[in-house]
Amino acid sequence: MWGLRTGELLWIVFGMIGQLMFTGRFVVQWIASEKAKRSIVTKSFWTFSILGSAMLSIYAIYRRDPVFIVGQVPGILIYCRNLVIMRNNEKSQALQGEQQEEGVVQ
């Protein structure tokens, strides 16, 4: 294909899969928002963001493309932080729910 060596073709496929995952996050978010009838961001949005960005970062490093690297690598930390915030909020809500149930029972 285009006179590329097998190894180079595999890197292109890897980069394309990363790009599809990164783009897929918007599809996941759109479907979730349509179902909820409001704009929401799901865990799967952030998971796709992390996986896609990580794969694109690896591809950019392989290509030695500093612009691409700077554009992708910091996002991984931000996406992970958003998952941590979501998890902490879920724990807090669960704890509040338990406390409310205990208050009703007593």
PDB file of N, CA and C in Angstrom:
ATOM      1  N   MET A   1       0.844  -1.174   0.000  1.00  0.00           N
ATOM      2  CA  MET A   1       0.000   0.000   0.000  1.00  0.00           C
ATOM      3  C   MET A   1       0.891   1.239   0.000  1.00  0.00           C
ATOM      4  N   TRP A   2       0.814   2.063  -1.013  1.00  0.00           N
ATOM      5  CA  TRP A   2       1.578   3.288  -1.195  1.00  0.00           C
ATOM      6  C   TRP A   2       3.078   3.053  -1.062  1.00  0.00           C
ATOM      7  N   GLY A   3       3.531   1.831  -1.294  1.00  0.00           N
ATOM      8  CA  GLY A   3       4.944   1.515  -1.217  1.00  0.00           C
ATOM      9  C   GLY A   3       5.502   1.532   0.198  1.00  0.00           C
ATOM     10  N   LEU A   4       4.655   1.346   1.181  1.00  0.00           N
ATOM     11  CA  LEU A   4       5.093   1.374   2.573  1.00  0.00           C
ATOM     12  C   LEU A   4       5.554   0.000   3.025  1.00  0.00           C
ATOM     13  N   ARG A   5       6.542   0.009   3.919  1.00  0.00           N
ATOM     14  CA  ARG A   5       6.978  -1.242   4.534  1.00  0.00           C
ATOM     15  C   ARG A   5       5.901  -1.698   5.518  1.00  0.00           C
ATOM     16  N   THR A   6       5.899  -2.978   5.834  1.00  0.00           N
ATOM     17  CA  THR A   6       4.903  -3.552   6.733  1.00  0.00           C
ATOM     18  C   THR A   6       4.909  -2.854   8.091  1.00  0.00           C
ATOM     19  N   GLY A   7       6.086  -2.613   8.636  1.00  0.00           N
ATOM     20  CA  GLY A   7       6.180  -1.946   9.934  1.00  0.00           C
ATOM     21  C   GLY A   7       5.563  -0.559   9.901  1.00  0.00           C
ATOM     22  N   GLU A   8       5.828   0.169   8.846  1.00  0.00           N
ATOM     23  CA  GLU A   8       5.276   1.522   8.705  1.00  0.00           C
ATOM     24  C   GLU A   8       3.755   1.464   8.565  1.00  0.00           C
ATOM     25  N   LEU A   9       3.267   0.491   7.819  1.00  0.00           N
ATOM     26  CA  LEU A   9       1.827   0.321   7.642  1.00  0.00           C
ATOM     27  C   LEU A   9       1.155  -0.006   8.978  1.00  0.00           C
ATOM     28  N   LEU A  10       1.797  -0.839   9.788  1.00  0.00           N
ATOM     29  CA  LEU A  10       1.257  -1.171  11.101  1.00  0.00           C
ATOM     30  C   LEU A  10       1.167   0.070  11.992  1.00  0.00           C
ATOM     31  N   TRP A  11       2.161   0.948  11.925  1.00  0.00           N
ATOM     32  CA  TRP A  11       2.104   2.187  12.697  1.00  0.00           C
ATOM     33  C   TRP A  11       0.956   3.072  12.234  1.00  0.00           C
ATOM     34  N   ILE A  12       0.733   3.137  10.948  1.00  0.00           N
ATOM     35  CA  ILE A  12      -0.379   3.932  10.420  1.00  0.00           C
ATOM     36  C   ILE A  12      -1.707   3.354  10.902  1.00  0.00           C
ATOM     37  N   VAL A  13      -1.836   2.036  10.864  1.00  0.00           N
ATOM     38  CA  VAL A  13      -3.060   1.382  11.356  1.00  0.00           C
ATOM     39  C   VAL A  13      -3.245   1.687  12.846  1.00  0.00           C
ATOM     40  N   PHE A  14      -2.173   1.595  13.621  1.00  0.00           N
ATOM     41  CA  PHE A  14      -2.223   1.906  15.048  1.00  0.00           C
ATOM     42  C   PHE A  14      -2.698   3.343  15.269  1.00  0.00           C
ATOM     43  N   GLY A  15      -2.116   4.284  14.535  1.00  0.00           N
ATOM     44  CA  GLY A  15      -2.506   5.683  14.644  1.00  0.00           C
ATOM     45  C   GLY A  15      -3.956   5.908  14.249  1.00  0.00           C
ATOM     46  N   MET A  16      -4.412   5.221  13.224  1.00  0.00           N
ATOM     47  CA  MET A  16      -5.802   5.354  12.789  1.00  0.00           C
ATOM     48  C   MET A  16      -6.768   4.801  13.834  1.00  0.00           C
ATOM     49  N   ILE A  17      -6.419   3.691  14.450  1.00  0.00           N
ATOM     50  CA  ILE A  17      -7.272   3.129  15.512  1.00  0.00           C
ATOM     51  C   ILE A  17      -7.359   4.126  16.662  1.00  0.00           C
ATOM     52  N   GLY A  18      -6.239   4.725  17.033  1.00  0.00           N
ATOM     53  CA  GLY A  18      -6.241   5.748  18.076  1.00  0.00           C
ATOM     54  C   GLY A  18      -7.130   6.920  17.697  1.00  0.00           C
ATOM     55  N   GLN A  19      -7.050   7.355  16.448  1.00  0.00           N
ATOM     56  CA  GLN A  19      -7.878   8.469  15.996  1.00  0.00           C
ATOM     57  C   GLN A  19      -9.362   8.093  16.010  1.00  0.00           C
ATOM     58  N   LEU A  20      -9.678   6.869  15.605  1.00  0.00           N
ATOM     59  CA  LEU A  20     -11.076   6.415  15.646  1.00  0.00           C
ATOM     60  C   LEU A  20     -11.611   6.362  17.070  1.00  0.00           C
ATOM     61  N   MET A  21     -10.778   5.910  18.014  1.00  0.00           N
ATOM     62  CA  MET A  21     -11.204   5.872  19.415  1.00  0.00           C
ATOM     63  C   MET A  21     -11.421   7.293  19.932  1.00  0.00           C
ATOM     64  N   PHE A  22     -10.514   8.186  19.585  1.00  0.00           N
ATOM     65  CA  PHE A  22     -10.620   9.563  20.035  1.00  0.00           C
ATOM     66  C   PHE A  22     -11.882  10.210  19.463  1.00  0.00           C
ATOM     67  N   THR A  23     -12.177   9.939  18.203  1.00  0.00           N
ATOM     68  CA  THR A  23     -13.392  10.460  17.569  1.00  0.00           C
ATOM     69  C   THR A  23     -14.624   9.756  18.124  1.00  0.00           C
ATOM     70  N   GLY A  24     -14.516   8.475  18.426  1.00  0.00           N
ATOM     71  CA  GLY A  24     -15.631   7.693  18.945  1.00  0.00           C
ATOM     72  C   GLY A  24     -16.177   8.238  20.249  1.00  0.00           C
ATOM     73  N   ARG A  25     -15.349   8.943  20.990  1.00  0.00           N
ATOM     74  CA  ARG A  25     -15.813   9.510  22.263  1.00  0.00           C
ATOM     75  C   ARG A  25     -16.951  10.480  22.035  1.00  0.00           C
ATOM     76  N   PHE A  26     -16.919  11.203  20.938  1.00  0.00           N
ATOM     77  CA  PHE A  26     -17.995  12.151  20.646  1.00  0.00           C
ATOM     78  C   PHE A  26     -19.287  11.430  20.293  1.00  0.00           C
ATOM     79  N   VAL A  27     -19.168  10.304  19.622  1.00  0.00           N
ATOM     80  CA  VAL A  27     -20.351   9.507  19.290  1.00  0.00           C
ATOM     81  C   VAL A  27     -20.987   8.978  20.575  1.00  0.00           C
ATOM     82  N   VAL A  28     -20.158   8.470  21.490  1.00  0.00           N
ATOM     83  CA  VAL A  28     -20.642   7.951  22.766  1.00  0.00           C
ATOM     84  C   VAL A  28     -21.343   9.066  23.552  1.00  0.00           C
ATOM     85  N   GLN A  29     -20.738  10.245  23.598  1.00  0.00           N
ATOM     86  CA  GLN A  29     -21.311  11.373  24.329  1.00  0.00           C
ATOM     87  C   GLN A  29     -22.617  11.820  23.695  1.00  0.00           C
ATOM     88  N   TRP A  30     -22.670  11.856  22.398  1.00  0.00           N
ATOM     89  CA  TRP A  30     -23.872  12.276  21.685  1.00  0.00           C
ATOM     90  C   TRP A  30     -25.036  11.321  21.973  1.00  0.00           C
ATOM     91  N   ILE A  31     -24.776  10.006  21.893  1.00  0.00           N
ATOM     92  CA  ILE A  31     -25.816   9.007  22.144  1.00  0.00           C
ATOM     93  C   ILE A  31     -26.324   9.114  23.585  1.00  0.00           C
ATOM     94  N   ALA A  32     -25.392   9.248  24.525  1.00  0.00           N
ATOM     95  CA  ALA A  32     -25.792   9.362  25.943  1.00  0.00           C
ATOM     96  C   ALA A  32     -26.625  10.623  26.166  1.00  0.00           C
ATOM     97  N   SER A  33     -26.247  11.713  25.541  1.00  0.00           N
ATOM     98  CA  SER A  33     -26.997  12.968  25.690  1.00  0.00           C
ATOM     99  C   SER A  33     -28.380  12.868  25.065  1.00  0.00           C
ATOM    100  N   GLU A  34     -28.474  12.210  23.917  1.00  0.00           N
ATOM    101  CA  GLU A  34     -29.777  12.032  23.266  1.00  0.00           C
ATOM    102  C   GLU A  34     -30.705  11.201  24.145  1.00  0.00           C
ATOM    103  N   LYS A  35     -30.184  10.146  24.740  1.00  0.00           N
ATOM    104  CA  LYS A  35     -30.996   9.300  25.616  1.00  0.00           C
ATOM    105  C   LYS A  35     -31.465  10.067  26.841  1.00  0.00           C
ATOM    106  N   ALA A  36     -30.592  10.894  27.408  1.00  0.00           N
ATOM    107  CA  ALA A  36     -30.924  11.641  28.623  1.00  0.00           C
ATOM    108  C   ALA A  36     -31.704  12.920  28.320  1.00  0.00           C
ATOM    109  N   LYS A  37     -31.738  13.306  27.066  1.00  0.00           N
ATOM    110  CA  LYS A  37     -32.393  14.559  26.654  1.00  0.00           C
ATOM    111  C   LYS A  37     -31.749  15.787  27.305  1.00  0.00           C
ATOM    112  N   ARG A  38     -30.465  15.655  27.628  1.00  0.00           N
ATOM    113  CA  ARG A  38     -29.672  16.769  28.137  1.00  0.00           C
ATOM    114  C   ARG A  38     -28.205  16.449  27.850  1.00  0.00           C
ATOM    115  N   SER A  39     -27.383  17.452  27.869  1.00  0.00           N
ATOM    116  CA  SER A  39     -25.970  17.241  27.587  1.00  0.00           C
ATOM    117  C   SER A  39     -25.287  16.620  28.797  1.00  0.00           C
ATOM    118  N   ILE A  40     -24.719  15.457  28.598  1.00  0.00           N
ATOM    119  CA  ILE A  40     -23.989  14.781  29.670  1.00  0.00           C
ATOM    120  C   ILE A  40     -22.672  14.231  29.135  1.00  0.00           C
ATOM    121  N   VAL A  41     -21.759  14.013  30.038  1.00  0.00           N
ATOM    122  CA  VAL A  41     -20.476  13.402  29.686  1.00  0.00           C
ATOM    123  C   VAL A  41     -20.342  12.146  30.544  1.00  0.00           C
ATOM    124  N   THR A  42     -20.139  11.008  29.901  1.00  0.00           N
ATOM    125  CA  THR A  42     -20.097   9.719  30.594  1.00  0.00           C
ATOM    126  C   THR A  42     -18.665   9.269  30.871  1.00  0.00           C
ATOM    127  N   LYS A  43     -18.546   8.248  31.720  1.00  0.00           N
ATOM    128  CA  LYS A  43     -17.233   7.638  31.961  1.00  0.00           C
ATOM    129  C   LYS A  43     -16.632   7.120  30.657  1.00  0.00           C
ATOM    130  N   SER A  44     -17.498   6.556  29.815  1.00  0.00           N
ATOM    131  CA  SER A  44     -16.984   6.008  28.554  1.00  0.00           C
ATOM    132  C   SER A  44     -16.395   7.115  27.667  1.00  0.00           C
ATOM    133  N   PHE A  45     -16.926   8.340  27.753  1.00  0.00           N
ATOM    134  CA  PHE A  45     -16.347   9.460  27.008  1.00  0.00           C
ATOM    135  C   PHE A  45     -14.898   9.666  27.437  1.00  0.00           C
ATOM    136  N   TRP A  46     -14.682   9.705  28.768  1.00  0.00           N
ATOM    137  CA  TRP A  46     -13.328   9.933  29.270  1.00  0.00           C
ATOM    138  C   TRP A  46     -12.428   8.721  29.006  1.00  0.00           C
ATOM    139  N   THR A  47     -12.988   7.515  29.063  1.00  0.00           N
ATOM    140  CA  THR A  47     -12.198   6.314  28.773  1.00  0.00           C
ATOM    141  C   THR A  47     -11.745   6.317  27.319  1.00  0.00           C
ATOM    142  N   PHE A  48     -12.661   6.605  26.398  1.00  0.00           N
ATOM    143  CA  PHE A  48     -12.285   6.712  24.988  1.00  0.00           C
ATOM    144  C   PHE A  48     -11.250   7.819  24.802  1.00  0.00           C
ATOM    145  N   SER A  49     -11.411   8.923  25.532  1.00  0.00           N
ATOM    146  CA  SER A  49     -10.463  10.035  25.431  1.00  0.00           C
ATOM    147  C   SER A  49      -9.065   9.591  25.847  1.00  0.00           C
ATOM    148  N   ILE A  50      -8.987   8.874  26.965  1.00  0.00           N
ATOM    149  CA  ILE A  50      -7.688   8.409  27.468  1.00  0.00           C
ATOM    150  C   ILE A  50      -7.053   7.430  26.481  1.00  0.00           C
ATOM    151  N   LEU A  51      -7.815   6.418  26.070  1.00  0.00           N
ATOM    152  CA  LEU A  51      -7.259   5.403  25.168  1.00  0.00           C
ATOM    153  C   LEU A  51      -6.856   6.006  23.824  1.00  0.00           C
ATOM    154  N   GLY A  52      -7.736   6.810  23.259  1.00  0.00           N
ATOM    155  CA  GLY A  52      -7.437   7.426  21.971  1.00  0.00           C
ATOM    156  C   GLY A  52      -6.242   8.351  22.058  1.00  0.00           C
ATOM    157  N   SER A  53      -6.205   9.190  23.082  1.00  0.00           N
ATOM    158  CA  SER A  53      -5.108  10.127  23.244  1.00  0.00           C
ATOM    159  C   SER A  53      -3.786   9.404  23.518  1.00  0.00           C
ATOM    160  N   ALA A  54      -3.847   8.342  24.311  1.00  0.00           N
ATOM    161  CA  ALA A  54      -2.626   7.565  24.586  1.00  0.00           C
ATOM    162  C   ALA A  54      -2.087   6.938  23.306  1.00  0.00           C
ATOM    163  N   MET A  55      -2.971   6.359  22.515  1.00  0.00           N
ATOM    164  CA  MET A  55      -2.524   5.744  21.265  1.00  0.00           C
ATOM    165  C   MET A  55      -1.984   6.802  20.299  1.00  0.00           C
ATOM    166  N   LEU A  56      -2.665   7.942  20.222  1.00  0.00           N
ATOM    167  CA  LEU A  56      -2.186   9.010  19.349  1.00  0.00           C
ATOM    168  C   LEU A  56      -0.864   9.580  19.856  1.00  0.00           C
ATOM    169  N   SER A  57      -0.684   9.637  21.170  1.00  0.00           N
ATOM    170  CA  SER A  57       0.581  10.113  21.735  1.00  0.00           C
ATOM    171  C   SER A  57       1.722   9.173  21.375  1.00  0.00           C
ATOM    172  N   ILE A  58       1.479   7.879  21.507  1.00  0.00           N
ATOM    173  CA  ILE A  58       2.495   6.887  21.147  1.00  0.00           C
ATOM    174  C   ILE A  58       2.850   7.017  19.667  1.00  0.00           C
ATOM    175  N   TYR A  59       1.832   7.171  18.838  1.00  0.00           N
ATOM    176  CA  TYR A  59       2.046   7.339  17.402  1.00  0.00           C
ATOM    177  C   TYR A  59       2.843   8.619  17.125  1.00  0.00           C
ATOM    178  N   ALA A  60       2.496   9.711  17.818  1.00  0.00           N
ATOM    179  CA  ALA A  60       3.193  10.981  17.621  1.00  0.00           C
ATOM    180  C   ALA A  60       4.654  10.881  18.056  1.00  0.00           C
ATOM    181  N   ILE A  61       4.897  10.167  19.162  1.00  0.00           N
ATOM    182  CA  ILE A  61       6.270   9.964  19.623  1.00  0.00           C
ATOM    183  C   ILE A  61       7.051   9.148  18.593  1.00  0.00           C
ATOM    184  N   TYR A  62       6.427   8.100  18.068  1.00  0.00           N
ATOM    185  CA  TYR A  62       7.071   7.309  17.025  1.00  0.00           C
ATOM    186  C   TYR A  62       7.420   8.185  15.821  1.00  0.00           C
ATOM    187  N   ARG A  63       6.513   9.077  15.450  1.00  0.00           N
ATOM    188  CA  ARG A  63       6.716   9.983  14.310  1.00  0.00           C
ATOM    189  C   ARG A  63       7.658  11.135  14.639  1.00  0.00           C
ATOM    190  N   ARG A  64       7.961  11.294  15.927  1.00  0.00           N
ATOM    191  CA  ARG A  64       8.805  12.399  16.392  1.00  0.00           C
ATOM    192  C   ARG A  64       8.218  13.748  15.977  1.00  0.00           C
ATOM    193  N   ASP A  65       6.918  13.880  16.221  1.00  0.00           N
ATOM    194  CA  ASP A  65       6.203  15.094  15.847  1.00  0.00           C
ATOM    195  C   ASP A  65       5.907  15.902  17.106  1.00  0.00           C
ATOM    196  N   PRO A  66       6.729  16.915  17.413  1.00  0.00           N
ATOM    197  CA  PRO A  66       6.566  17.646  18.670  1.00  0.00           C
ATOM    198  C   PRO A  66       5.222  18.372  18.784  1.00  0.00           C
ATOM    199  N   VAL A  67       4.687  18.859  17.687  1.00  0.00           N
ATOM    200  CA  VAL A  67       3.395  19.553  17.725  1.00  0.00           C
ATOM    201  C   VAL A  67       2.293  18.581  18.125  1.00  0.00           C
ATOM    202  N   PHE A  68       2.294  17.419  17.520  1.00  0.00           N
ATOM    203  CA  PHE A  68       1.313  16.375  17.800  1.00  0.00           C
ATOM    204  C   PHE A  68       1.461  15.872  19.236  1.00  0.00           C
ATOM    205  N   ILE A  69       2.700  15.708  19.685  1.00  0.00           N
ATOM    206  CA  ILE A  69       2.973  15.236  21.049  1.00  0.00           C
ATOM    207  C   ILE A  69       2.420  16.232  22.066  1.00  0.00           C
ATOM    208  N   VAL A  70       2.749  17.509  21.901  1.00  0.00           N
ATOM    209  CA  VAL A  70       2.286  18.542  22.828  1.00  0.00           C
ATOM    210  C   VAL A  70       0.756  18.652  22.796  1.00  0.00           C
ATOM    211  N   GLY A  71       0.160  18.354  21.665  1.00  0.00           N
ATOM    212  CA  GLY A  71      -1.288  18.427  21.547  1.00  0.00           C
ATOM    213  C   GLY A  71      -2.021  17.275  22.206  1.00  0.00           C
ATOM    214  N   GLN A  72      -1.377  16.136  22.372  1.00  0.00           N
ATOM    215  CA  GLN A  72      -2.042  14.946  22.898  1.00  0.00           C
ATOM    216  C   GLN A  72      -1.665  14.580  24.323  1.00  0.00           C
ATOM    217  N   VAL A  73      -0.400  14.624  24.660  1.00  0.00           N
ATOM    218  CA  VAL A  73       0.070  14.106  25.950  1.00  0.00           C
ATOM    219  C   VAL A  73      -0.594  14.790  27.157  1.00  0.00           C
ATOM    220  N   PRO A  74      -0.683  16.120  27.207  1.00  0.00           N
ATOM    221  CA  PRO A  74      -1.310  16.738  28.390  1.00  0.00           C
ATOM    222  C   PRO A  74      -2.770  16.325  28.589  1.00  0.00           C
ATOM    223  N   GLY A  75      -3.472  16.058  27.513  1.00  0.00           N
ATOM    224  CA  GLY A  75      -4.875  15.665  27.603  1.00  0.00           C
ATOM    225  C   GLY A  75      -5.064  14.394  28.408  1.00  0.00           C
ATOM    226  N   ILE A  76      -4.131  13.481  28.324  1.00  0.00           N
ATOM    227  CA  ILE A  76      -4.243  12.211  29.050  1.00  0.00           C
ATOM    228  C   ILE A  76      -4.405  12.481  30.547  1.00  0.00           C
ATOM    229  N   LEU A  77      -3.608  13.399  31.081  1.00  0.00           N
ATOM    230  CA  LEU A  77      -3.698  13.731  32.503  1.00  0.00           C
ATOM    231  C   LEU A  77      -5.051  14.369  32.842  1.00  0.00           C
ATOM    232  N   ILE A  78      -5.510  15.246  31.978  1.00  0.00           N
ATOM    233  CA  ILE A  78      -6.796  15.919  32.196  1.00  0.00           C
ATOM    234  C   ILE A  78      -7.935  14.906  32.164  1.00  0.00           C
ATOM    235  N   TYR A  79      -7.901  13.985  31.201  1.00  0.00           N
ATOM    236  CA  TYR A  79      -8.961  12.979  31.076  1.00  0.00           C
ATOM    237  C   TYR A  79      -8.963  12.057  32.295  1.00  0.00           C
ATOM    238  N   CYS A  80      -7.786  11.670  32.757  1.00  0.00           N
ATOM    239  CA  CYS A  80      -7.697  10.830  33.963  1.00  0.00           C
ATOM    240  C   CYS A  80      -8.248  11.578  35.169  1.00  0.00           C
ATOM    241  N   ARG A  81      -7.909  12.841  35.287  1.00  0.00           N
ATOM    242  CA  ARG A  81      -8.402  13.644  36.409  1.00  0.00           C
ATOM    243  C   ARG A  81      -9.928  13.715  36.387  1.00  0.00           C
ATOM    244  N   ASN A  82     -10.519  13.842  35.219  1.00  0.00           N
ATOM    245  CA  ASN A  82     -11.976  13.877  35.130  1.00  0.00           C
ATOM    246  C   ASN A  82     -12.596  12.571  35.608  1.00  0.00           C
ATOM    247  N   LEU A  83     -11.969  11.452  35.306  1.00  0.00           N
ATOM    248  CA  LEU A  83     -12.476  10.170  35.817  1.00  0.00           C
ATOM    249  C   LEU A  83     -12.376  10.112  37.338  1.00  0.00           C
ATOM    250  N   VAL A  84     -11.287  10.638  37.896  1.00  0.00           N
ATOM    251  CA  VAL A  84     -11.125  10.665  39.354  1.00  0.00           C
ATOM    252  C   VAL A  84     -12.214  11.535  39.980  1.00  0.00           C
ATOM    253  N   ILE A  85     -12.470  12.692  39.390  1.00  0.00           N
ATOM    254  CA  ILE A  85     -13.524  13.580  39.897  1.00  0.00           C
ATOM    255  C   ILE A  85     -14.877  12.879  39.843  1.00  0.00           C
ATOM    256  N   MET A  86     -15.166  12.202  38.740  1.00  0.00           N
ATOM    257  CA  MET A  86     -16.434  11.460  38.623  1.00  0.00           C
ATOM    258  C   MET A  86     -16.544  10.399  39.705  1.00  0.00           C
ATOM    259  N   ARG A  87     -15.473   9.648  39.908  1.00  0.00           N
ATOM    260  CA  ARG A  87     -15.479   8.592  40.921  1.00  0.00           C
ATOM    261  C   ARG A  87     -15.703   9.170  42.316  1.00  0.00           C
ATOM    262  N   ASN A  88     -15.029  10.267  42.620  1.00  0.00           N
ATOM    263  CA  ASN A  88     -15.190  10.901  43.928  1.00  0.00           C
ATOM    264  C   ASN A  88     -16.614  11.406  44.124  1.00  0.00           C
ATOM    265  N   ASN A  89     -17.208  11.974  43.088  1.00  0.00           N
ATOM    266  CA  ASN A  89     -18.592  12.442  43.182  1.00  0.00           C
ATOM    267  C   ASN A  89     -19.550  11.275  43.401  1.00  0.00           C
ATOM    268  N   GLU A  90     -19.317  10.167  42.708  1.00  0.00           N
ATOM    269  CA  GLU A  90     -20.178   8.987  42.876  1.00  0.00           C
ATOM    270  C   GLU A  90     -20.077   8.442  44.302  1.00  0.00           C
ATOM    271  N   LYS A  91     -18.849   8.395  44.844  1.00  0.00           N
ATOM    272  CA  LYS A  91     -18.668   7.931  46.219  1.00  0.00           C
ATOM    273  C   LYS A  91     -19.388   8.859  47.198  1.00  0.00           C
ATOM    274  N   SER A  92     -19.258  10.157  46.978  1.00  0.00           N
ATOM    275  CA  SER A  92     -19.907  11.135  47.845  1.00  0.00           C
ATOM    276  C   SER A  92     -21.423  11.002  47.791  1.00  0.00           C
ATOM    277  N   GLN A  93     -21.973  10.827  46.606  1.00  0.00           N
ATOM    278  CA  GLN A  93     -23.417  10.670  46.450  1.00  0.00           C
ATOM    279  C   GLN A  93     -23.899   9.375  47.096  1.00  0.00           C
ATOM    280  N   ALA A  94     -23.111   8.312  46.946  1.00  0.00           N
ATOM    281  CA  ALA A  94     -23.478   7.030  47.560  1.00  0.00           C
ATOM    282  C   ALA A  94     -23.478   7.161  49.084  1.00  0.00           C
ATOM    283  N   LEU A  95     -22.477   7.847  49.623  1.00  0.00           N
ATOM    284  CA  LEU A  95     -22.390   8.045  51.066  1.00  0.00           C
ATOM    285  C   LEU A  95     -23.566   8.875  51.569  1.00  0.00           C
ATOM    286  N   GLN A  96     -23.927   9.911  50.831  1.00  0.00           N
ATOM    287  CA  GLN A  96     -25.076  10.737  51.213  1.00  0.00           C
ATOM    288  C   GLN A  96     -26.368   9.909  51.187  1.00  0.00           C
ATOM    289  N   GLY A  97     -26.489   9.052  50.170  1.00  0.00           N
ATOM    290  CA  GLY A  97     -27.663   8.185  50.078  1.00  0.00           C
ATOM    291  C   GLY A  97     -27.755   7.237  51.254  1.00  0.00           C
ATOM    292  N   GLU A  98     -26.613   6.672  51.647  1.00  0.00           N
ATOM    293  CA  GLU A  98     -26.584   5.763  52.799  1.00  0.00           C
ATOM    294  C   GLU A  98     -26.956   6.500  54.076  1.00  0.00           C
ATOM    295  N   GLN A  99     -26.449   7.702  54.232  1.00  0.00           N
ATOM    296  CA  GLN A  99     -26.741   8.485  55.435  1.00  0.00           C
ATOM    297  C   GLN A  99     -28.217   8.858  55.489  1.00  0.00           C
ATOM    298  N   GLN A 100     -28.803   9.167  54.361  1.00  0.00           N
ATOM    299  CA  GLN A 100     -30.223   9.496  54.316  1.00  0.00           C
ATOM    300  C   GLN A 100     -31.070   8.271  54.658  1.00  0.00           C
ATOM    301  N   GLU A 101     -30.670   7.103  54.129  1.00  0.00           N
ATOM    302  CA  GLU A 101     -31.401   5.873  54.437  1.00  0.00           C
ATOM    303  C   GLU A 101     -31.323   5.557  55.932  1.00  0.00           C
ATOM    304  N   GLU A 102     -30.134   5.741  56.511  1.00  0.00           N
ATOM    305  CA  GLU A 102     -29.974   5.492  57.943  1.00  0.00           C
ATOM    306  C   GLU A 102     -30.842   6.451  58.756  1.00  0.00           C
ATOM    307  N   GLY A 103     -30.942   7.685  58.316  1.00  0.00           N
ATOM    308  CA  GLY A 103     -31.760   8.675  59.002  1.00  0.00           C
ATOM    309  C   GLY A 103     -33.229   8.331  58.938  1.00  0.00           C
ATOM    310  N   VAL A 104     -33.670   7.731  57.819  1.00  0.00           N
ATOM    311  CA  VAL A 104     -35.066   7.335  57.663  1.00  0.00           C
ATOM    312  C   VAL A 104     -35.376   6.131  58.530  1.00  0.00           C
ATOM    313  N   VAL A 105     -34.439   5.199  58.641  1.00  0.00           N
ATOM    314  CA  VAL A 105     -34.641   3.971  59.399  1.00  0.00           C
ATOM    315  C   VAL A 105     -34.687   4.267  60.884  1.00  0.00           C
ATOM    316  N   GLN A 106     -33.861   5.183  61.362  1.00  0.00           N
ATOM    317  CA  GLN A 106     -33.766   5.441  62.807  1.00  0.00           C
ATOM    318  C   GLN A 106     -34.970   6.101  63.348  1.00  0.00           C
TER     319      GLN A 106
END
